[in-house]
Amino acid sequence: MKTAISIPDDVFDDADRLAKRLNKSRSEIYSRAVREYVARHSPDEVTEALDRVCEEAPADTGFATAAARRTLERSEW
């Protein structure tokens, strides 16, 4: 979808330099930026996505439990 927006010149210049450095189009840079901004401000969507992943994950084989235990043992509380 095409849209027109107004942004400050310095933001445009920064995005343009980044796009060139990463060899990406400005459209891709703006699209990724907006996607990230929306994700950061939609915590319920992130939680729901993680819940779906956990529901689809195979049952714990003991590895995750052992790894978590080792991590906790090395952590200071």
PDB file of N, CA and C in Angstrom:
ATOM      1  N   MET A   1       0.843  -1.168   0.000  1.00  0.00           N
ATOM      2  CA  MET A   1       0.000   0.000   0.000  1.00  0.00           C
ATOM      3  C   MET A   1       0.890   1.233   0.000  1.00  0.00           C
ATOM      4  N   LYS A   2       0.521   2.193  -0.772  1.00  0.00           N
ATOM      5  CA  LYS A   2       1.262   3.453  -0.795  1.00  0.00           C
ATOM      6  C   LYS A   2       0.554   4.450   0.094  1.00  0.00           C
ATOM      7  N   THR A   3       1.362   5.286   0.761  1.00  0.00           N
ATOM      8  CA  THR A   3       0.818   6.321   1.624  1.00  0.00           C
ATOM      9  C   THR A   3       1.773   7.509   1.626  1.00  0.00           C
ATOM     10  N   ALA A   4       1.277   8.642   1.973  1.00  0.00           N
ATOM     11  CA  ALA A   4       2.116   9.842   2.080  1.00  0.00           C
ATOM     12  C   ALA A   4       2.150  10.264   3.536  1.00  0.00           C
ATOM     13  N   ILE A   5       3.349  10.536   4.040  1.00  0.00           N
ATOM     14  CA  ILE A   5       3.506  10.987   5.414  1.00  0.00           C
ATOM     15  C   ILE A   5       4.459  12.173   5.439  1.00  0.00           C
ATOM     16  N   SER A   6       4.403  12.923   6.492  1.00  0.00           N
ATOM     17  CA  SER A   6       5.337  14.031   6.688  1.00  0.00           C
ATOM     18  C   SER A   6       6.227  13.698   7.865  1.00  0.00           C
ATOM     19  N   ILE A   7       7.532  13.828   7.667  1.00  0.00           N
ATOM     20  CA  ILE A   7       8.489  13.591   8.746  1.00  0.00           C
ATOM     21  C   ILE A   7       9.530  14.705   8.710  1.00  0.00           C
ATOM     22  N   PRO A   8      10.172  14.946   9.834  1.00  0.00           N
ATOM     23  CA  PRO A   8      11.207  15.981   9.861  1.00  0.00           C
ATOM     24  C   PRO A   8      12.361  15.633   8.910  1.00  0.00           C
ATOM     25  N   ASP A   9      12.986  16.661   8.377  1.00  0.00           N
ATOM     26  CA  ASP A   9      14.087  16.458   7.425  1.00  0.00           C
ATOM     27  C   ASP A   9      15.210  15.608   8.008  1.00  0.00           C
ATOM     28  N   ASP A  10      15.548  15.836   9.283  1.00  0.00           N
ATOM     29  CA  ASP A  10      16.657  15.077   9.861  1.00  0.00           C
ATOM     30  C   ASP A  10      16.331  13.586   9.972  1.00  0.00           C
ATOM     31  N   VAL A  11      15.071  13.251  10.254  1.00  0.00           N
ATOM     32  CA  VAL A  11      14.665  11.844  10.321  1.00  0.00           C
ATOM     33  C   VAL A  11      14.743  11.221   8.939  1.00  0.00           C
ATOM     34  N   PHE A  12      14.275  11.957   7.940  1.00  0.00           N
ATOM     35  CA  PHE A  12      14.358  11.476   6.565  1.00  0.00           C
ATOM     36  C   PHE A  12      15.809  11.224   6.174  1.00  0.00           C
ATOM     37  N   ASP A  13      16.675  12.179   6.475  1.00  0.00           N
ATOM     38  CA  ASP A  13      18.095  12.042   6.128  1.00  0.00           C
ATOM     39  C   ASP A  13      18.733  10.837   6.822  1.00  0.00           C
ATOM     40  N   ASP A  14      18.411  10.658   8.102  1.00  0.00           N
ATOM     41  CA  ASP A  14      18.943   9.502   8.838  1.00  0.00           C
ATOM     42  C   ASP A  14      18.462   8.194   8.224  1.00  0.00           C
ATOM     43  N   ALA A  15      17.177   8.127   7.917  1.00  0.00           N
ATOM     44  CA  ALA A  15      16.621   6.907   7.321  1.00  0.00           C
ATOM     45  C   ALA A  15      17.211   6.651   5.943  1.00  0.00           C
ATOM     46  N   ASP A  16      17.411   7.699   5.183  1.00  0.00           N
ATOM     47  CA  ASP A  16      17.994   7.559   3.848  1.00  0.00           C
ATOM     48  C   ASP A  16      19.422   7.016   3.932  1.00  0.00           C
ATOM     49  N   ARG A  17      20.218   7.559   4.852  1.00  0.00           N
ATOM     50  CA  ARG A  17      21.592   7.064   5.035  1.00  0.00           C
ATOM     51  C   ARG A  17      21.597   5.599   5.482  1.00  0.00           C
ATOM     52  N   LEU A  18      20.709   5.262   6.399  1.00  0.00           N
ATOM     53  CA  LEU A  18      20.626   3.880   6.874  1.00  0.00           C
ATOM     54  C   LEU A  18      20.231   2.938   5.737  1.00  0.00           C
ATOM     55  N   ALA A  19      19.261   3.342   4.950  1.00  0.00           N
ATOM     56  CA  ALA A  19      18.826   2.509   3.821  1.00  0.00           C
ATOM     57  C   ALA A  19      19.982   2.252   2.857  1.00  0.00           C
ATOM     58  N   LYS A  20      20.739   3.273   2.561  1.00  0.00           N
ATOM     59  CA  LYS A  20      21.881   3.110   1.658  1.00  0.00           C
ATOM     60  C   LYS A  20      22.944   2.209   2.270  1.00  0.00           C
ATOM     61  N   ARG A  21      23.215   2.398   3.559  1.00  0.00           N
ATOM     62  CA  ARG A  21      24.241   1.598   4.234  1.00  0.00           C
ATOM     63  C   ARG A  21      23.846   0.119   4.267  1.00  0.00           C
ATOM     64  N   LEU A  22      22.547  -0.146   4.477  1.00  0.00           N
ATOM     65  CA  LEU A  22      22.064  -1.526   4.560  1.00  0.00           C
ATOM     66  C   LEU A  22      21.652  -2.093   3.212  1.00  0.00           C
ATOM     67  N   ASN A  23      21.762  -1.258   2.185  1.00  0.00           N
ATOM     68  CA  ASN A  23      21.360  -1.653   0.832  1.00  0.00           C
ATOM     69  C   ASN A  23      19.884  -2.090   0.802  1.00  0.00           C
ATOM     70  N   LYS A  24      19.040  -1.297   1.461  1.00  0.00           N
ATOM     71  CA  LYS A  24      17.601  -1.533   1.513  1.00  0.00           C
ATOM     72  C   LYS A  24      16.895  -0.308   0.953  1.00  0.00           C
ATOM     73  N   SER A  25      15.657  -0.495   0.551  1.00  0.00           N
ATOM     74  CA  SER A  25      14.878   0.651   0.093  1.00  0.00           C
ATOM     75  C   SER A  25      14.383   1.450   1.298  1.00  0.00           C
ATOM     76  N   ARG A  26      14.104   2.724   1.069  1.00  0.00           N
ATOM     77  CA  ARG A  26      13.530   3.526   2.152  1.00  0.00           C
ATOM     78  C   ARG A  26      12.203   2.926   2.596  1.00  0.00           C
ATOM     79  N   SER A  27      11.428   2.421   1.657  1.00  0.00           N
ATOM     80  CA  SER A  27      10.145   1.809   2.003  1.00  0.00           C
ATOM     81  C   SER A  27      10.329   0.658   2.979  1.00  0.00           C
ATOM     82  N   GLU A  28      11.352  -0.156   2.746  1.00  0.00           N
ATOM     83  CA  GLU A  28      11.599  -1.279   3.646  1.00  0.00           C
ATOM     84  C   GLU A  28      12.017  -0.789   5.032  1.00  0.00           C
ATOM     85  N   ILE A  29      12.852   0.237   5.068  1.00  0.00           N
ATOM     86  CA  ILE A  29      13.281   0.800   6.344  1.00  0.00           C
ATOM     87  C   ILE A  29      12.076   1.336   7.118  1.00  0.00           C
ATOM     88  N   TYR A  30      11.227   2.114   6.458  1.00  0.00           N
ATOM     89  CA  TYR A  30      10.054   2.673   7.130  1.00  0.00           C
ATOM     90  C   TYR A  30       9.094   1.570   7.566  1.00  0.00           C
ATOM     91  N   SER A  31       8.891   0.573   6.719  1.00  0.00           N
ATOM     92  CA  SER A  31       7.983  -0.515   7.040  1.00  0.00           C
ATOM     93  C   SER A  31       8.470  -1.289   8.265  1.00  0.00           C
ATOM     94  N   ARG A  32       9.761  -1.580   8.295  1.00  0.00           N
ATOM     95  CA  ARG A  32      10.319  -2.300   9.445  1.00  0.00           C
ATOM     96  C   ARG A  32      10.222  -1.451  10.716  1.00  0.00           C
ATOM     97  N   ALA A  33      10.465  -0.166  10.584  1.00  0.00           N
ATOM     98  CA  ALA A  33      10.402   0.725  11.746  1.00  0.00           C
ATOM     99  C   ALA A  33       8.984   0.775  12.317  1.00  0.00           C
ATOM    100  N   VAL A  34       8.001   0.910  11.461  1.00  0.00           N
ATOM    101  CA  VAL A  34       6.617   0.972  11.923  1.00  0.00           C
ATOM    102  C   VAL A  34       6.207  -0.375  12.525  1.00  0.00           C
ATOM    103  N   ARG A  35       6.619  -1.479  11.890  1.00  0.00           N
ATOM    104  CA  ARG A  35       6.294  -2.811  12.409  1.00  0.00           C
ATOM    105  C   ARG A  35       6.858  -2.980  13.828  1.00  0.00           C
ATOM    106  N   GLU A  36       8.116  -2.564  14.021  1.00  0.00           N
ATOM    107  CA  GLU A  36       8.743  -2.668  15.334  1.00  0.00           C
ATOM    108  C   GLU A  36       8.031  -1.782  16.352  1.00  0.00           C
ATOM    109  N   TYR A  37       7.684  -0.565  15.948  1.00  0.00           N
ATOM    110  CA  TYR A  37       6.994   0.360  16.848  1.00  0.00           C
ATOM    111  C   TYR A  37       5.647  -0.221  17.281  1.00  0.00           C
ATOM    112  N   VAL A  38       4.909  -0.762  16.333  1.00  0.00           N
ATOM    113  CA  VAL A  38       3.604  -1.351  16.651  1.00  0.00           C
ATOM    114  C   VAL A  38       3.780  -2.540  17.593  1.00  0.00           C
ATOM    115  N   ALA A  39       4.776  -3.372  17.329  1.00  0.00           N
ATOM    116  CA  ALA A  39       5.015  -4.536  18.188  1.00  0.00           C
ATOM    117  C   ALA A  39       5.357  -4.115  19.614  1.00  0.00           C
ATOM    118  N   ARG A  40       6.154  -3.074  19.742  1.00  0.00           N
ATOM    119  CA  ARG A  40       6.539  -2.602  21.076  1.00  0.00           C
ATOM    120  C   ARG A  40       5.367  -2.024  21.850  1.00  0.00           C
ATOM    121  N   HIS A  41       4.376  -1.544  21.136  1.00  0.00           N
ATOM    122  CA  HIS A  41       3.235  -0.923  21.793  1.00  0.00           C
ATOM    123  C   HIS A  41       2.008  -1.833  21.785  1.00  0.00           C
ATOM    124  N   SER A  42       2.200  -3.096  21.472  1.00  0.00           N
ATOM    125  CA  SER A  42       1.115  -4.075  21.478  1.00  0.00           C
ATOM    126  C   SER A  42       1.548  -5.303  22.272  1.00  0.00           C
ATOM    127  N   PRO A  43       1.789  -5.151  23.572  1.00  0.00           N
ATOM    128  CA  PRO A  43       2.307  -6.275  24.357  1.00  0.00           C
ATOM    129  C   PRO A  43       1.380  -7.484  24.369  1.00  0.00           C
ATOM    130  N   ASP A  44       0.077  -7.266  24.254  1.00  0.00           N
ATOM    131  CA  ASP A  44      -0.842  -8.402  24.248  1.00  0.00           C
ATOM    132  C   ASP A  44      -0.611  -9.282  23.031  1.00  0.00           C
ATOM    133  N   GLU A  45      -0.292  -8.688  21.892  1.00  0.00           N
ATOM    134  CA  GLU A  45      -0.029  -9.474  20.687  1.00  0.00           C
ATOM    135  C   GLU A  45       1.233 -10.309  20.853  1.00  0.00           C
ATOM    136  N   VAL A  46       2.241  -9.749  21.488  1.00  0.00           N
ATOM    137  CA  VAL A  46       3.470 -10.486  21.727  1.00  0.00           C
ATOM    138  C   VAL A  46       3.192 -11.661  22.659  1.00  0.00           C
ATOM    139  N   THR A  47       2.451 -11.410  23.712  1.00  0.00           N
ATOM    140  CA  THR A  47       2.112 -12.473  24.661  1.00  0.00           C
ATOM    141  C   THR A  47       1.315 -13.576  23.978  1.00  0.00           C
ATOM    142  N   GLU A  48       0.352 -13.192  23.159  1.00  0.00           N
ATOM    143  CA  GLU A  48      -0.460 -14.180  22.454  1.00  0.00           C
ATOM    144  C   GLU A  48       0.393 -15.009  21.496  1.00  0.00           C
ATOM    145  N   ALA A  49       1.336 -14.374  20.814  1.00  0.00           N
ATOM    146  CA  ALA A  49       2.214 -15.105  19.900  1.00  0.00           C
ATOM    147  C   ALA A  49       3.089 -16.089  20.665  1.00  0.00           C
ATOM    148  N   LEU A  50       3.633 -15.656  21.807  1.00  0.00           N
ATOM    149  CA  LEU A  50       4.448 -16.555  22.617  1.00  0.00           C
ATOM    150  C   LEU A  50       3.607 -17.699  23.178  1.00  0.00           C
ATOM    151  N   ASP A  51       2.389 -17.422  23.563  1.00  0.00           N
ATOM    152  CA  ASP A  51       1.494 -18.479  24.041  1.00  0.00           C
ATOM    153  C   ASP A  51       1.258 -19.523  22.955  1.00  0.00           C
ATOM    154  N   ARG A  52       1.063 -19.078  21.707  1.00  0.00           N
ATOM    155  CA  ARG A  52       0.855 -20.022  20.595  1.00  0.00           C
ATOM    156  C   ARG A  52       2.094 -20.890  20.382  1.00  0.00           C
ATOM    157  N   VAL A  53       3.265 -20.277  20.469  1.00  0.00           N
ATOM    158  CA  VAL A  53       4.503 -21.036  20.306  1.00  0.00           C
ATOM    159  C   VAL A  53       4.626 -22.082  21.401  1.00  0.00           C
ATOM    160  N   CYS A  54       4.340 -21.694  22.627  1.00  0.00           N
ATOM    161  CA  CYS A  54       4.443 -22.633  23.749  1.00  0.00           C
ATOM    162  C   CYS A  54       3.448 -23.774  23.615  1.00  0.00           C
ATOM    163  N   GLU A  55       2.255 -23.488  23.113  1.00  0.00           N
ATOM    164  CA  GLU A  55       1.250 -24.534  22.935  1.00  0.00           C
ATOM    165  C   GLU A  55       1.692 -25.555  21.889  1.00  0.00           C
ATOM    166  N   GLU A  56       2.427 -25.096  20.879  1.00  0.00           N
ATOM    167  CA  GLU A  56       2.853 -25.972  19.787  1.00  0.00           C
ATOM    168  C   GLU A  56       4.167 -26.680  20.084  1.00  0.00           C
ATOM    169  N   ALA A  57       4.876 -26.244  21.114  1.00  0.00           N
ATOM    170  CA  ALA A  57       6.176 -26.826  21.428  1.00  0.00           C
ATOM    171  C   ALA A  57       5.990 -28.240  21.988  1.00  0.00           C
ATOM    172  N   PRO A  58       6.942 -29.116  21.686  1.00  0.00           N
ATOM    173  CA  PRO A  58       6.851 -30.471  22.234  1.00  0.00           C
ATOM    174  C   PRO A  58       7.016 -30.437  23.755  1.00  0.00           C
ATOM    175  N   ALA A  59       6.578 -31.501  24.381  1.00  0.00           N
ATOM    176  CA  ALA A  59       6.685 -31.589  25.833  1.00  0.00           C
ATOM    177  C   ALA A  59       8.147 -31.491  26.255  1.00  0.00           C
ATOM    178  N   ASP A  60       8.379 -30.966  27.442  1.00  0.00           N
ATOM    179  CA  ASP A  60       9.737 -30.809  27.974  1.00  0.00           C
ATOM    180  C   ASP A  60      10.408 -32.178  28.075  1.00  0.00           C
ATOM    181  N   THR A  61      11.579 -32.289  27.506  1.00  0.00           N
ATOM    182  CA  THR A  61      12.328 -33.547  27.555  1.00  0.00           C
ATOM    183  C   THR A  61      13.280 -33.577  28.739  1.00  0.00           C
ATOM    184  N   GLY A  62      13.238 -32.555  29.561  1.00  0.00           N
ATOM    185  CA  GLY A  62      14.135 -32.480  30.697  1.00  0.00           C
ATOM    186  C   GLY A  62      15.289 -31.529  30.438  1.00  0.00           C
ATOM    187  N   PHE A  63      15.619 -31.306  29.171  1.00  0.00           N
ATOM    188  CA  PHE A  63      16.725 -30.417  28.835  1.00  0.00           C
ATOM    189  C   PHE A  63      16.464 -29.001  29.319  1.00  0.00           C
ATOM    190  N   ALA A  64      15.267 -28.493  29.028  1.00  0.00           N
ATOM    191  CA  ALA A  64      14.945 -27.115  29.409  1.00  0.00           C
ATOM    192  C   ALA A  64      14.957 -26.964  30.926  1.00  0.00           C
ATOM    193  N   THR A  65      14.440 -27.949  31.617  1.00  0.00           N
ATOM    194  CA  THR A  65      14.429 -27.888  33.077  1.00  0.00           C
ATOM    195  C   THR A  65      15.848 -27.889  33.626  1.00  0.00           C
ATOM    196  N   ALA A  66      16.699 -28.765  33.099  1.00  0.00           N
ATOM    197  CA  ALA A  66      18.084 -28.837  33.570  1.00  0.00           C
ATOM    198  C   ALA A  66      18.836 -27.541  33.251  1.00  0.00           C
ATOM    199  N   ALA A  67      18.616 -27.001  32.065  1.00  0.00           N
ATOM    200  CA  ALA A  67      19.282 -25.761  31.673  1.00  0.00           C
ATOM    201  C   ALA A  67      18.826 -24.607  32.563  1.00  0.00           C
ATOM    202  N   ALA A  68      17.542 -24.554  32.848  1.00  0.00           N
ATOM    203  CA  ALA A  68      17.017 -23.498  33.714  1.00  0.00           C
ATOM    204  C   ALA A  68      17.595 -23.632  35.124  1.00  0.00           C
ATOM    205  N   ARG A  69      17.684 -24.857  35.604  1.00  0.00           N
ATOM    206  CA  ARG A  69      18.235 -25.080  36.945  1.00  0.00           C
ATOM    207  C   ARG A  69      19.687 -24.610  37.013  1.00  0.00           C
ATOM    208  N   ARG A  70      20.492 -24.951  35.992  1.00  0.00           N
ATOM    209  CA  ARG A  70      21.901 -24.524  35.973  1.00  0.00           C
ATOM    210  C   ARG A  70      22.004 -23.008  35.922  1.00  0.00           C
ATOM    211  N   THR A  71      21.149 -22.380  35.158  1.00  0.00           N
ATOM    212  CA  THR A  71      21.173 -20.920  35.060  1.00  0.00           C
ATOM    213  C   THR A  71      20.817 -20.288  36.403  1.00  0.00           C
ATOM    214  N   LEU A  72      19.790 -20.810  37.043  1.00  0.00           N
ATOM    215  CA  LEU A  72      19.405 -20.267  38.349  1.00  0.00           C
ATOM    216  C   LEU A  72      20.472 -20.471  39.404  1.00  0.00           C
ATOM    217  N   GLU A  73      21.163 -21.608  39.354  1.00  0.00           N
ATOM    218  CA  GLU A  73      22.221 -21.866  40.331  1.00  0.00           C
ATOM    219  C   GLU A  73      23.369 -20.863  40.201  1.00  0.00           C
ATOM    220  N   ARG A  74      23.607 -20.371  38.991  1.00  0.00           N
ATOM    221  CA  ARG A  74      24.693 -19.407  38.772  1.00  0.00           C
ATOM    222  C   ARG A  74      24.263 -17.969  39.001  1.00  0.00           C
ATOM    223  N   SER A  75      22.976 -17.751  39.197  1.00  0.00           N
ATOM    224  CA  SER A  75      22.456 -16.388  39.355  1.00  0.00           C
ATOM    225  C   SER A  75      22.412 -16.001  40.822  1.00  0.00           C
ATOM    226  N   GLU A  76      22.714 -14.722  41.065  1.00  0.00           N
ATOM    227  CA  GLU A  76      22.585 -14.190  42.420  1.00  0.00           C
ATOM    228  C   GLU A  76      21.210 -13.577  42.579  1.00  0.00           C
ATOM    229  N   TRP A  77      20.528 -13.931  43.629  1.00  0.00           N
ATOM    230  CA  TRP A  77      19.189 -13.383  43.861  1.00  0.00           C
ATOM    231  C   TRP A  77      19.228 -12.391  44.920  1.00  0.00           C
TER     232      TRP A  77
END
